[in-house]
Structures are given as C-alpha cells and as structure tokens.
Amino acid sequence: MKKKCIFLDRDGVLNVDRVDYVYRMEDFIIPKGVPEALIALKEAGYLLVVITNQSGIAKGLYERKHVYAIHEAIQKACGGVLDDLYFCPYHENFDSRSLTRKPGSLLIEKAAAKYQVDFNLSFMVGDHERDIIAGT
C-alpha cells in the first residue's frame, strides 16, 4: 500500500534560517509550534521526510557531520518523528550540477521509491520557490 508523506525543507521551515548557514548548534533555533505540528502530522499518518540543500558543504564552510548534528537536534526536540533525511551537498558554482539539488526532484523521487509514497496524498513544505518546484 502506498503511503502519504510530507516532504519538508529544513532551513526556514524546521529551524530559523539565517543569511549565512545554519550548521552550528548555537545558531540552531526551532520556531514555536514546529514540534507540535510535526507530531500532529505524524499522528495523522504521514511519513515525514526532510529534503534540504546544504551547499555550505561544497563551499567548504561545514561538513556532513554538521548536517547530521542539526538533524539529530531536530529529532530530539520533536520526539523523533522524522522518518528520514535527504540532503544535497553540492552547489553548481563550486563543484557540480546535480539533480539532487532543489529545484531538482531527485531526492524526493528517491525517498518516494524507498517509502512507496503516493504523490496524490503527499505535499512539499518549503519557504522558497525552488522547494515548490521540486515538489511538483
């Protein structure tokens, strides 16, 4: 049976975004209401999958371990309701073009295949046009 899923951007949706990058714990802030919203979505039967561009890795500003640390902090704050994390570490101006980078949809497609997602019952939540394009 196919499943319903909410694909979630990270920065600006699950945590407060910054002008630069969120990779240090001291810069990490979860907006009020996010944990409760995620728990409610999980209780409504949705898979919750984070789909995020993390080009600071390509730029040499931080490492993958920083992305995982922030994800673990979100998980802890939200009761472990997130089902998975997919991120694109690339940036076209620094290393390569990649279909995994939003607005490309490859990360969403990979998650959908892994979890047998029904796109007709699923949504992408983001704070930029590239998120919406990736989810269409």
C-alpha atoms as a PDB file:
ATOM      1  CA  MET A   1       0.000   0.000   0.000  1.00  0.00           C
ATOM      2  CA  LYS A   2       1.300   3.433  -0.947  1.00  0.00           C
ATOM      3  CA  LYS A   3       1.889   5.928   1.853  1.00  0.00           C
ATOM      4  CA  LYS A   4       1.228   9.613   2.305  1.00  0.00           C
ATOM      5  CA  CYS A   5       4.215  11.822   3.018  1.00  0.00           C
ATOM      6  CA  ILE A   6       5.098  15.374   3.924  1.00  0.00           C
ATOM      7  CA  PHE A   7       8.434  16.367   2.395  1.00  0.00           C
ATOM      8  CA  LEU A   8       9.948  19.165   4.475  1.00  0.00           C
ATOM      9  CA  ASP A   9      12.613  21.697   3.678  1.00  0.00           C
ATOM     10  CA  ARG A  10      14.862  22.287   6.691  1.00  0.00           C
ATOM     11  CA  ASP A  11      16.176  25.846   6.941  1.00  0.00           C
ATOM     12  CA  GLY A  12      13.300  28.301   7.173  1.00  0.00           C
ATOM     13  CA  VAL A  13      10.760  25.542   7.861  1.00  0.00           C
ATOM     14  CA  LEU A  14      12.026  23.274  10.651  1.00  0.00           C
ATOM     15  CA  ASN A  15      14.506  25.793  12.008  1.00  0.00           C
ATOM     16  CA  VAL A  16      15.032  29.537  11.748  1.00  0.00           C
ATOM     17  CA  ASP A  17      17.041  30.372   8.637  1.00  0.00           C
ATOM     18  CA  ARG A  18      19.952  32.789   8.621  1.00  0.00           C
ATOM     19  CA  VAL A  19      21.549  34.968   5.969  1.00  0.00           C
ATOM     20  CA  ASP A  20      24.544  32.618   6.027  1.00  0.00           C
ATOM     21  CA  TYR A  21      24.237  28.947   7.028  1.00  0.00           C
ATOM     22  CA  VAL A  22      22.831  27.024   9.984  1.00  0.00           C
ATOM     23  CA  TYR A  23      25.448  24.441  10.907  1.00  0.00           C
ATOM     24  CA  ARG A  24      26.499  25.393  14.445  1.00  0.00           C
ATOM     25  CA  MET A  25      24.312  24.430  17.376  1.00  0.00           C
ATOM     26  CA  GLU A  26      24.448  27.991  18.741  1.00  0.00           C
ATOM     27  CA  ASP A  27      22.727  29.190  15.534  1.00  0.00           C
ATOM     28  CA  PHE A  28      20.064  26.480  15.624  1.00  0.00           C
ATOM     29  CA  ILE A  29      16.578  27.621  16.693  1.00  0.00           C
ATOM     30  CA  ILE A  30      13.321  25.712  16.201  1.00  0.00           C
ATOM     31  CA  PRO A  31      10.366  28.087  15.714  1.00  0.00           C
ATOM     32  CA  LYS A  32       7.496  27.879  18.177  1.00  0.00           C
ATOM     33  CA  GLY A  33       4.898  25.344  17.100  1.00  0.00           C
ATOM     34  CA  VAL A  34       7.122  23.241  14.840  1.00  0.00           C
ATOM     35  CA  PRO A  35       7.435  20.235  17.199  1.00  0.00           C
ATOM     36  CA  GLU A  36       3.675  20.184  17.810  1.00  0.00           C
ATOM     37  CA  ALA A  37       2.931  20.466  14.085  1.00  0.00           C
ATOM     38  CA  LEU A  38       5.274  17.594  13.225  1.00  0.00           C
ATOM     39  CA  ILE A  39       3.780  15.404  15.942  1.00  0.00           C
ATOM     40  CA  ALA A  40       0.256  16.177  14.674  1.00  0.00           C
ATOM     41  CA  LEU A  41       1.250  15.287  11.098  1.00  0.00           C
ATOM     42  CA  LYS A  42       2.806  12.032  12.280  1.00  0.00           C
ATOM     43  CA  GLU A  43      -0.346  11.203  14.275  1.00  0.00           C
ATOM     44  CA  ALA A  44      -2.363  11.875  11.097  1.00  0.00           C
ATOM     45  CA  GLY A  45      -0.411   9.070   9.421  1.00  0.00           C
ATOM     46  CA  TYR A  46       2.116  10.993   7.355  1.00  0.00           C
ATOM     47  CA  LEU A  47       5.694   9.989   6.758  1.00  0.00           C
ATOM     48  CA  LEU A  48       7.932  12.987   7.467  1.00  0.00           C
ATOM     49  CA  VAL A  49      10.988  13.289   5.240  1.00  0.00           C
ATOM     50  CA  VAL A  50      13.428  16.199   5.253  1.00  0.00           C
ATOM     51  CA  ILE A  51      14.680  17.294   1.803  1.00  0.00           C
ATOM     52  CA  THR A  52      17.328  20.010   2.067  1.00  0.00           C
ATOM     53  CA  ASN A  53      20.035  21.727   0.036  1.00  0.00           C
ATOM     54  CA  GLN A  54      23.240  22.049   2.059  1.00  0.00           C
ATOM     55  CA  SER A  55      25.600  23.815  -0.335  1.00  0.00           C
ATOM     56  CA  GLY A  56      27.800  25.030   2.512  1.00  0.00           C
ATOM     57  CA  ILE A  57      29.453  21.609   2.278  1.00  0.00           C
ATOM     58  CA  ALA A  58      30.504  22.244  -1.345  1.00  0.00           C
ATOM     59  CA  LYS A  59      31.709  25.694  -0.358  1.00  0.00           C
ATOM     60  CA  GLY A  60      33.888  24.203   2.394  1.00  0.00           C
ATOM     61  CA  LEU A  61      32.058  26.055   5.169  1.00  0.00           C
ATOM     62  CA  TYR A  62      30.994  22.950   7.087  1.00  0.00           C
ATOM     63  CA  GLU A  63      30.898  19.161   6.844  1.00  0.00           C
ATOM     64  CA  ARG A  64      28.254  16.465   6.570  1.00  0.00           C
ATOM     65  CA  LYS A  65      28.618  15.763  10.293  1.00  0.00           C
ATOM     66  CA  HIS A  66      27.220  19.247  10.979  1.00  0.00           C
ATOM     67  CA  VAL A  67      24.110  18.482   8.891  1.00  0.00           C
ATOM     68  CA  TYR A  68      23.582  15.246  10.823  1.00  0.00           C
ATOM     69  CA  ALA A  69      24.066  17.023  14.178  1.00  0.00           C
ATOM     70  CA  ILE A  70      21.371  19.592  13.359  1.00  0.00           C
ATOM     71  CA  HIS A  71      19.066  16.802  12.167  1.00  0.00           C
ATOM     72  CA  GLU A  72      19.576  14.915  15.430  1.00  0.00           C
ATOM     73  CA  ALA A  73      18.774  18.093  17.382  1.00  0.00           C
ATOM     74  CA  ILE A  74      15.529  18.495  15.423  1.00  0.00           C
ATOM     75  CA  GLN A  75      14.696  14.842  16.046  1.00  0.00           C
ATOM     76  CA  LYS A  76      15.314  15.215  19.778  1.00  0.00           C
ATOM     77  CA  ALA A  77      13.223  18.391  20.025  1.00  0.00           C
ATOM     78  CA  CYS A  78      10.363  16.830  18.046  1.00  0.00           C
ATOM     79  CA  GLY A  79      10.176  13.426  19.690  1.00  0.00           C
ATOM     80  CA  GLY A  80      11.927  11.525  16.903  1.00  0.00           C
ATOM     81  CA  VAL A  81       9.023  11.819  14.464  1.00  0.00           C
ATOM     82  CA  LEU A  82      11.100  12.476  11.334  1.00  0.00           C
ATOM     83  CA  ASP A  83      11.396   9.363   9.182  1.00  0.00           C
ATOM     84  CA  ASP A  84      14.415  10.302   7.092  1.00  0.00           C
ATOM     85  CA  LEU A  85      16.823  12.987   5.946  1.00  0.00           C
ATOM     86  CA  TYR A  86      17.973  13.548   2.379  1.00  0.00           C
ATOM     87  CA  PHE A  87      20.352  16.376   1.589  1.00  0.00           C
ATOM     88  CA  CYS A  88      22.251  17.694  -1.396  1.00  0.00           C
ATOM     89  CA  PRO A  89      25.810  18.743  -0.517  1.00  0.00           C
ATOM     90  CA  TYR A  90      26.516  20.197  -3.962  1.00  0.00           C
ATOM     91  CA  HIS A  91      26.411  23.663  -5.482  1.00  0.00           C
ATOM     92  CA  GLU A  92      26.665  24.272  -9.215  1.00  0.00           C
ATOM     93  CA  ASN A  93      29.094  27.183  -8.800  1.00  0.00           C
ATOM     94  CA  PHE A  94      31.502  25.193  -6.632  1.00  0.00           C
ATOM     95  CA  ASP A  95      31.603  21.563  -7.699  1.00  0.00           C
ATOM     96  CA  SER A  96      28.888  20.202  -9.949  1.00  0.00           C
ATOM     97  CA  ARG A  97      25.328  20.479 -11.128  1.00  0.00           C
ATOM     98  CA  SER A  98      23.138  17.882  -9.532  1.00  0.00           C
ATOM     99  CA  LEU A  99      19.531  16.818  -9.919  1.00  0.00           C
ATOM    100  CA  THR A 100      19.544  16.202  -6.169  1.00  0.00           C
ATOM    101  CA  ARG A 101      19.758  19.952  -5.592  1.00  0.00           C
ATOM    102  CA  LYS A 102      16.346  21.590  -5.410  1.00  0.00           C
ATOM    103  CA  PRO A 103      14.618  22.651  -7.593  1.00  0.00           C
ATOM    104  CA  GLY A 104      15.637  19.236  -8.932  1.00  0.00           C
ATOM    105  CA  SER A 105      13.379  16.495  -7.619  1.00  0.00           C
ATOM    106  CA  LEU A 106      15.739  13.510  -7.425  1.00  0.00           C
ATOM    107  CA  LEU A 107      15.904  13.424  -3.609  1.00  0.00           C
ATOM    108  CA  ILE A 108      12.114  13.450  -3.413  1.00  0.00           C
ATOM    109  CA  GLU A 109      11.951  10.697  -6.029  1.00  0.00           C
ATOM    110  CA  LYS A 110      14.486   8.580  -4.107  1.00  0.00           C
ATOM    111  CA  ALA A 111      12.543   8.956  -0.866  1.00  0.00           C
ATOM    112  CA  ALA A 112       9.265   8.211  -2.649  1.00  0.00           C
ATOM    113  CA  ALA A 113      10.684   4.996  -4.094  1.00  0.00           C
ATOM    114  CA  LYS A 114      12.147   3.893  -0.756  1.00  0.00           C
ATOM    115  CA  TYR A 115       8.929   4.505   1.186  1.00  0.00           C
ATOM    116  CA  GLN A 116       6.395   3.757  -1.591  1.00  0.00           C
ATOM    117  CA  VAL A 117       4.891   7.237  -1.448  1.00  0.00           C
ATOM    118  CA  ASP A 118       1.604   8.152  -3.102  1.00  0.00           C
ATOM    119  CA  PHE A 119       2.232  11.610  -4.576  1.00  0.00           C
ATOM    120  CA  ASN A 120      -1.518  12.287  -4.755  1.00  0.00           C
ATOM    121  CA  LEU A 121      -1.653  12.170  -0.943  1.00  0.00           C
ATOM    122  CA  SER A 122       1.649  13.944  -0.325  1.00  0.00           C
ATOM    123  CA  PHE A 123       2.967  17.500  -0.046  1.00  0.00           C
ATOM    124  CA  MET A 124       6.187  19.511  -0.112  1.00  0.00           C
ATOM    125  CA  VAL A 125       6.539  22.235   2.526  1.00  0.00           C
ATOM    126  CA  GLY A 126       9.187  24.856   1.860  1.00  0.00           C
ATOM    127  CA  ASP A 127       9.993  28.526   2.113  1.00  0.00           C
ATOM    128  CA  HIS A 128      11.410  29.125  -1.371  1.00  0.00           C
ATOM    129  CA  GLU A 129      10.132  28.731  -4.922  1.00  0.00           C
ATOM    130  CA  ARG A 130      12.767  26.006  -5.525  1.00  0.00           C
ATOM    131  CA  ASP A 131      11.063  23.873  -2.857  1.00  0.00           C
ATOM    132  CA  ILE A 132       7.683  24.196  -4.529  1.00  0.00           C
ATOM    133  CA  ILE A 133       9.161  23.424  -7.963  1.00  0.00           C
ATOM    134  CA  ALA A 134      10.876  20.312  -6.577  1.00  0.00           C
ATOM    135  CA  GLY A 135       7.575  19.138  -5.139  1.00  0.00           C
ATOM    136  CA  THR A 136       5.570  19.483  -8.350  1.00  0.00           C
END
